[in-house]
Amino acid sequence: MSLPETRAIIVTLPTFLRDVIATLAEDRLPLNIIADLDRRADVAAALESLVPDLVVVGLRAGETDDVGRDILARIPSARVIAISDGGRNAYVHEMCACRTVLLDVSADALATAIGAPLPRV
């Protein structure tokens, strides 16, 4: 069974890391790079018009991966991978659905799940 194609946007990624991504696309993954952006200013419009499944962003020297969270806020259906300057570290941001089972739920357990403070006795 083949994997579905992943539509990706590459943002401010150094050439050598772009080559690594392209090689992965050729050899291992059904990856379609639909945009390769050199300016962060172009990201918002690209996200809106292209609606990618994946955004790979190169971090600048000293920059934190908060940019990944910012991009994810704009397109929560995507996975965002922020790669550190030099490519040593990568940070994956994605929305994750979570399910917790509360069997024989009590008022305290339900209040905890909601996040409300428990009543003081």
N, C-alpha and C. Protein backbone atom coordinates (compact mmCIF):
# COMPACT_ATOMS: atom_id res chain seq x y z
N MET A 1 0.85 -1.17 0.00
CA MET A 1 0.00 0.00 0.00
C MET A 1 0.90 1.24 0.00
N SER A 2 0.63 2.15 -0.89
CA SER A 2 1.46 3.36 -0.99
C SER A 2 0.91 4.46 -0.08
N LEU A 3 1.84 5.29 0.38
CA LEU A 3 1.48 6.42 1.22
C LEU A 3 0.90 7.54 0.39
N PRO A 4 -0.03 8.32 0.95
CA PRO A 4 -0.54 9.48 0.21
C PRO A 4 0.55 10.54 0.07
N GLU A 5 0.47 11.31 -0.98
CA GLU A 5 1.44 12.38 -1.22
C GLU A 5 1.31 13.46 -0.15
N THR A 6 2.44 13.92 0.34
CA THR A 6 2.50 15.02 1.30
C THR A 6 2.90 16.28 0.55
N ARG A 7 2.06 17.30 0.66
CA ARG A 7 2.33 18.59 0.01
C ARG A 7 3.11 19.47 0.98
N ALA A 8 4.30 19.90 0.57
CA ALA A 8 5.19 20.60 1.49
C ALA A 8 5.60 21.98 0.99
N ILE A 9 5.80 22.86 1.97
CA ILE A 9 6.39 24.18 1.71
C ILE A 9 7.71 24.22 2.47
N ILE A 10 8.75 24.65 1.80
CA ILE A 10 10.07 24.82 2.40
C ILE A 10 10.28 26.32 2.61
N VAL A 11 10.73 26.71 3.82
CA VAL A 11 10.88 28.13 4.14
C VAL A 11 12.27 28.39 4.72
N THR A 12 12.98 29.30 4.13
CA THR A 12 14.30 29.78 4.60
C THR A 12 15.22 28.64 5.04
N LEU A 13 15.28 27.62 4.23
CA LEU A 13 16.12 26.47 4.53
C LEU A 13 17.40 26.55 3.71
N PRO A 14 18.56 26.37 4.33
CA PRO A 14 19.81 26.41 3.57
C PRO A 14 19.82 25.35 2.46
N THR A 15 20.58 25.60 1.43
CA THR A 15 20.62 24.74 0.26
C THR A 15 20.93 23.29 0.61
N PHE A 16 21.91 23.06 1.48
CA PHE A 16 22.26 21.67 1.78
C PHE A 16 21.12 20.93 2.46
N LEU A 17 20.33 21.62 3.29
CA LEU A 17 19.18 20.98 3.92
C LEU A 17 18.04 20.79 2.92
N ARG A 18 17.89 21.71 2.00
CA ARG A 18 16.90 21.53 0.93
C ARG A 18 17.23 20.28 0.12
N ASP A 19 18.52 20.08 -0.13
CA ASP A 19 18.95 18.90 -0.89
C ASP A 19 18.63 17.61 -0.13
N VAL A 20 18.81 17.62 1.19
CA VAL A 20 18.48 16.45 2.00
C VAL A 20 16.98 16.15 1.89
N ILE A 21 16.16 17.17 2.01
CA ILE A 21 14.70 17.00 1.90
C ILE A 21 14.34 16.48 0.51
N ALA A 22 14.95 17.05 -0.52
CA ALA A 22 14.66 16.61 -1.89
C ALA A 22 15.06 15.15 -2.09
N THR A 23 16.19 14.74 -1.53
CA THR A 23 16.63 13.36 -1.64
C THR A 23 15.66 12.42 -0.93
N LEU A 24 15.20 12.82 0.25
CA LEU A 24 14.19 12.02 0.94
C LEU A 24 12.94 11.87 0.08
N ALA A 25 12.56 12.96 -0.55
CA ALA A 25 11.37 12.93 -1.40
C ALA A 25 11.54 11.95 -2.54
N GLU A 26 12.73 11.93 -3.14
CA GLU A 26 12.97 11.03 -4.26
C GLU A 26 13.05 9.58 -3.83
N ASP A 27 13.74 9.33 -2.71
CA ASP A 27 14.07 7.97 -2.32
C ASP A 27 13.06 7.28 -1.40
N ARG A 28 12.41 8.04 -0.52
CA ARG A 28 11.64 7.39 0.54
C ARG A 28 10.21 7.83 0.70
N LEU A 29 9.91 9.06 0.35
CA LEU A 29 8.60 9.62 0.67
C LEU A 29 7.90 10.16 -0.55
N PRO A 30 6.58 10.03 -0.58
CA PRO A 30 5.82 10.69 -1.64
C PRO A 30 5.62 12.17 -1.27
N LEU A 31 6.68 12.95 -1.43
CA LEU A 31 6.68 14.36 -1.02
C LEU A 31 6.67 15.25 -2.25
N ASN A 32 5.74 16.17 -2.28
CA ASN A 32 5.64 17.14 -3.36
C ASN A 32 5.93 18.52 -2.78
N ILE A 33 7.10 19.06 -3.10
CA ILE A 33 7.45 20.39 -2.63
C ILE A 33 6.75 21.41 -3.52
N ILE A 34 5.71 22.03 -2.96
CA ILE A 34 4.85 22.91 -3.74
C ILE A 34 5.29 24.36 -3.70
N ALA A 35 6.19 24.69 -2.77
CA ALA A 35 6.74 26.05 -2.71
C ALA A 35 8.05 26.01 -1.94
N ASP A 36 8.98 26.84 -2.38
CA ASP A 36 10.29 26.98 -1.74
C ASP A 36 10.50 28.48 -1.52
N LEU A 37 10.30 28.92 -0.28
CA LEU A 37 10.28 30.35 0.01
C LEU A 37 11.59 30.79 0.66
N ASP A 38 12.15 31.87 0.16
CA ASP A 38 13.37 32.43 0.72
C ASP A 38 13.10 33.54 1.73
N ARG A 39 11.83 33.99 1.82
CA ARG A 39 11.48 35.08 2.73
C ARG A 39 10.33 34.67 3.63
N ARG A 40 10.49 34.91 4.91
CA ARG A 40 9.42 34.60 5.87
C ARG A 40 8.18 35.44 5.61
N ALA A 41 8.36 36.62 5.04
CA ALA A 41 7.23 37.50 4.77
C ALA A 41 6.23 36.86 3.81
N ASP A 42 6.67 35.86 3.04
CA ASP A 42 5.79 35.21 2.06
C ASP A 42 5.01 34.03 2.63
N VAL A 43 5.29 33.66 3.87
CA VAL A 43 4.71 32.44 4.44
C VAL A 43 3.20 32.51 4.58
N ALA A 44 2.68 33.57 5.18
CA ALA A 44 1.24 33.66 5.45
C ALA A 44 0.41 33.49 4.19
N ALA A 45 0.78 34.17 3.13
CA ALA A 45 0.04 34.06 1.88
C ALA A 45 0.14 32.65 1.29
N ALA A 46 1.32 32.05 1.38
CA ALA A 46 1.51 30.70 0.84
C ALA A 46 0.68 29.68 1.62
N LEU A 47 0.64 29.83 2.93
CA LEU A 47 -0.16 28.90 3.74
C LEU A 47 -1.63 28.98 3.36
N GLU A 48 -2.09 30.19 3.19
CA GLU A 48 -3.51 30.39 2.85
C GLU A 48 -3.85 29.87 1.47
N SER A 49 -3.01 30.13 0.50
CA SER A 49 -3.34 29.75 -0.87
C SER A 49 -3.01 28.30 -1.20
N LEU A 50 -1.96 27.74 -0.60
CA LEU A 50 -1.51 26.40 -0.96
C LEU A 50 -1.97 25.30 0.00
N VAL A 51 -2.29 25.65 1.23
CA VAL A 51 -2.76 24.72 2.26
C VAL A 51 -1.90 23.44 2.29
N PRO A 52 -0.64 23.57 2.71
CA PRO A 52 0.26 22.40 2.72
C PRO A 52 -0.04 21.43 3.86
N ASP A 53 0.45 20.21 3.70
CA ASP A 53 0.40 19.20 4.76
C ASP A 53 1.60 19.34 5.69
N LEU A 54 2.68 19.89 5.14
CA LEU A 54 3.94 19.97 5.86
C LEU A 54 4.62 21.30 5.55
N VAL A 55 5.18 21.93 6.59
CA VAL A 55 6.01 23.12 6.42
C VAL A 55 7.34 22.83 7.09
N VAL A 56 8.43 22.96 6.33
CA VAL A 56 9.77 22.79 6.88
C VAL A 56 10.42 24.16 6.86
N VAL A 57 10.79 24.65 8.04
CA VAL A 57 11.34 26.00 8.15
C VAL A 57 12.74 25.93 8.76
N GLY A 58 13.65 26.67 8.15
CA GLY A 58 15.00 26.77 8.66
C GLY A 58 15.09 27.90 9.67
N LEU A 59 15.59 27.60 10.85
CA LEU A 59 15.75 28.61 11.88
C LEU A 59 17.03 29.41 11.65
N ARG A 60 16.98 30.66 12.03
CA ARG A 60 18.16 31.51 11.95
C ARG A 60 19.04 31.27 13.18
N ALA A 61 20.29 31.66 13.11
CA ALA A 61 21.20 31.49 14.23
C ALA A 61 20.62 32.15 15.48
N GLY A 62 20.53 31.40 16.57
CA GLY A 62 20.01 31.92 17.82
C GLY A 62 18.50 31.98 17.92
N GLU A 63 17.79 31.65 16.86
CA GLU A 63 16.34 31.70 16.87
C GLU A 63 15.76 30.44 17.53
N THR A 64 14.70 30.61 18.31
CA THR A 64 14.03 29.45 18.92
C THR A 64 13.03 28.87 17.93
N ASP A 65 12.51 27.72 18.28
CA ASP A 65 11.54 27.07 17.41
C ASP A 65 10.12 27.62 17.57
N ASP A 66 9.97 28.75 18.26
CA ASP A 66 8.64 29.37 18.40
C ASP A 66 8.01 29.66 17.05
N VAL A 67 8.82 29.87 16.03
CA VAL A 67 8.29 30.11 14.69
C VAL A 67 7.44 28.92 14.23
N GLY A 68 7.82 27.72 14.65
CA GLY A 68 7.02 26.54 14.31
C GLY A 68 5.63 26.61 14.90
N ARG A 69 5.56 27.04 16.14
CA ARG A 69 4.26 27.19 16.81
C ARG A 69 3.43 28.29 16.13
N ASP A 70 4.09 29.37 15.71
CA ASP A 70 3.38 30.46 15.03
C ASP A 70 2.79 29.99 13.70
N ILE A 71 3.57 29.23 12.96
CA ILE A 71 3.07 28.70 11.68
C ILE A 71 1.93 27.73 11.92
N LEU A 72 2.08 26.86 12.91
CA LEU A 72 1.03 25.89 13.22
C LEU A 72 -0.28 26.58 13.61
N ALA A 73 -0.18 27.72 14.28
CA ALA A 73 -1.39 28.47 14.65
C ALA A 73 -2.14 28.94 13.40
N ARG A 74 -1.42 29.19 12.33
CA ARG A 74 -2.04 29.64 11.08
C ARG A 74 -2.64 28.48 10.28
N ILE A 75 -2.06 27.28 10.43
CA ILE A 75 -2.53 26.12 9.68
C ILE A 75 -2.44 24.87 10.56
N PRO A 76 -3.41 24.72 11.47
CA PRO A 76 -3.35 23.64 12.46
C PRO A 76 -3.43 22.24 11.87
N SER A 77 -3.84 22.10 10.64
CA SER A 77 -3.92 20.77 10.02
C SER A 77 -2.57 20.27 9.53
N ALA A 78 -1.57 21.13 9.51
CA ALA A 78 -0.25 20.77 8.98
C ALA A 78 0.68 20.31 10.09
N ARG A 79 1.76 19.67 9.69
CA ARG A 79 2.89 19.38 10.56
C ARG A 79 3.96 20.40 10.20
N VAL A 80 4.60 20.97 11.22
CA VAL A 80 5.64 21.97 11.00
C VAL A 80 6.93 21.43 11.60
N ILE A 81 7.99 21.42 10.81
CA ILE A 81 9.30 21.00 11.29
C ILE A 81 10.24 22.19 11.19
N ALA A 82 10.72 22.64 12.35
CA ALA A 82 11.68 23.75 12.40
C ALA A 82 13.06 23.13 12.59
N ILE A 83 13.97 23.42 11.66
CA ILE A 83 15.31 22.84 11.69
C ILE A 83 16.30 23.92 12.09
N SER A 84 17.10 23.60 13.11
CA SER A 84 18.04 24.58 13.65
C SER A 84 19.09 24.99 12.61
N ASP A 85 19.65 26.16 12.84
CA ASP A 85 20.73 26.66 12.00
C ASP A 85 21.84 25.61 12.01
N GLY A 86 22.24 25.14 10.87
CA GLY A 86 23.25 24.09 10.77
C GLY A 86 22.67 22.69 10.68
N GLY A 87 21.39 22.55 10.95
CA GLY A 87 20.72 21.27 10.76
C GLY A 87 20.93 20.23 11.84
N ARG A 88 21.46 20.60 12.97
CA ARG A 88 21.74 19.61 14.01
C ARG A 88 20.48 19.14 14.74
N ASN A 89 19.54 20.04 14.96
CA ASN A 89 18.32 19.71 15.69
C ASN A 89 17.09 20.07 14.87
N ALA A 90 16.01 19.34 15.13
CA ALA A 90 14.74 19.63 14.47
C ALA A 90 13.64 19.55 15.52
N TYR A 91 12.64 20.40 15.36
CA TYR A 91 11.53 20.49 16.30
C TYR A 91 10.23 20.31 15.52
N VAL A 92 9.47 19.29 15.87
CA VAL A 92 8.24 18.98 15.16
C VAL A 92 7.07 19.54 15.94
N HIS A 93 6.26 20.33 15.26
CA HIS A 93 5.06 20.92 15.84
C HIS A 93 3.86 20.36 15.09
N GLU A 94 2.88 19.86 15.84
CA GLU A 94 1.65 19.40 15.22
C GLU A 94 0.55 19.38 16.26
N MET A 95 -0.67 19.55 15.79
CA MET A 95 -1.82 19.43 16.66
C MET A 95 -2.09 17.94 16.82
N CYS A 96 -2.35 17.54 18.02
CA CYS A 96 -2.59 16.12 18.29
C CYS A 96 -3.92 15.97 19.00
N ALA A 97 -4.78 15.16 18.44
CA ALA A 97 -6.02 14.85 19.12
C ALA A 97 -5.71 13.92 20.29
N CYS A 98 -6.36 14.13 21.38
CA CYS A 98 -6.09 13.34 22.57
C CYS A 98 -7.41 12.82 23.13
N ARG A 99 -7.38 11.61 23.65
CA ARG A 99 -8.58 11.01 24.23
C ARG A 99 -8.21 10.46 25.60
N THR A 100 -8.98 10.82 26.60
CA THR A 100 -8.81 10.29 27.94
C THR A 100 -10.12 9.66 28.38
N VAL A 101 -10.06 8.45 28.86
CA VAL A 101 -11.26 7.76 29.32
C VAL A 101 -11.40 7.98 30.81
N LEU A 102 -12.57 8.42 31.22
CA LEU A 102 -12.89 8.60 32.64
C LEU A 102 -14.00 7.62 32.98
N LEU A 103 -13.64 6.45 33.44
CA LEU A 103 -14.63 5.42 33.78
C LEU A 103 -15.27 5.75 35.13
N ASP A 104 -16.55 5.51 35.22
CA ASP A 104 -17.28 5.80 36.45
C ASP A 104 -16.91 7.19 36.97
N VAL A 105 -17.05 8.17 36.12
CA VAL A 105 -16.57 9.51 36.38
C VAL A 105 -17.22 10.13 37.62
N SER A 106 -16.39 10.73 38.44
CA SER A 106 -16.86 11.45 39.62
C SER A 106 -16.85 12.94 39.31
N ALA A 107 -17.47 13.74 40.18
CA ALA A 107 -17.47 15.19 40.01
C ALA A 107 -16.04 15.73 40.06
N ASP A 108 -15.21 15.19 40.97
CA ASP A 108 -13.83 15.65 41.08
C ASP A 108 -13.05 15.34 39.80
N ALA A 109 -13.21 14.14 39.28
CA ALA A 109 -12.49 13.75 38.06
C ALA A 109 -12.95 14.60 36.88
N LEU A 110 -14.24 14.86 36.80
CA LEU A 110 -14.76 15.69 35.71
C LEU A 110 -14.27 17.12 35.84
N ALA A 111 -14.24 17.65 37.06
CA ALA A 111 -13.74 19.01 37.28
C ALA A 111 -12.27 19.11 36.91
N THR A 112 -11.50 18.08 37.24
CA THR A 112 -10.08 18.06 36.88
C THR A 112 -9.92 18.05 35.37
N ALA A 113 -10.73 17.24 34.69
CA ALA A 113 -10.65 17.17 33.23
C ALA A 113 -11.01 18.50 32.58
N ILE A 114 -11.95 19.20 33.17
CA ILE A 114 -12.35 20.50 32.64
C ILE A 114 -11.32 21.55 32.96
N GLY A 115 -10.61 21.35 34.04
CA GLY A 115 -9.59 22.32 34.44
C GLY A 115 -10.06 23.28 35.50
N ALA A 116 -11.27 23.06 36.01
CA ALA A 116 -11.80 23.92 37.06
C ALA A 116 -11.14 23.58 38.39
N PRO A 117 -10.95 24.57 39.23
CA PRO A 117 -10.39 24.26 40.56
C PRO A 117 -11.38 23.43 41.36
N LEU A 118 -10.85 22.50 42.12
CA LEU A 118 -11.71 21.66 42.96
C LEU A 118 -12.17 22.47 44.16
N PRO A 119 -13.41 22.23 44.65
CA PRO A 119 -13.90 22.97 45.81
C PRO A 119 -13.10 22.63 47.05
N ARG A 120 -12.85 23.63 47.86
CA ARG A 120 -12.11 23.45 49.13
C ARG A 120 -13.11 23.06 50.23
N VAL A 121 -12.73 22.12 51.06
CA VAL A 121 -13.60 21.68 52.15
C VAL A 121 -13.11 22.23 53.45
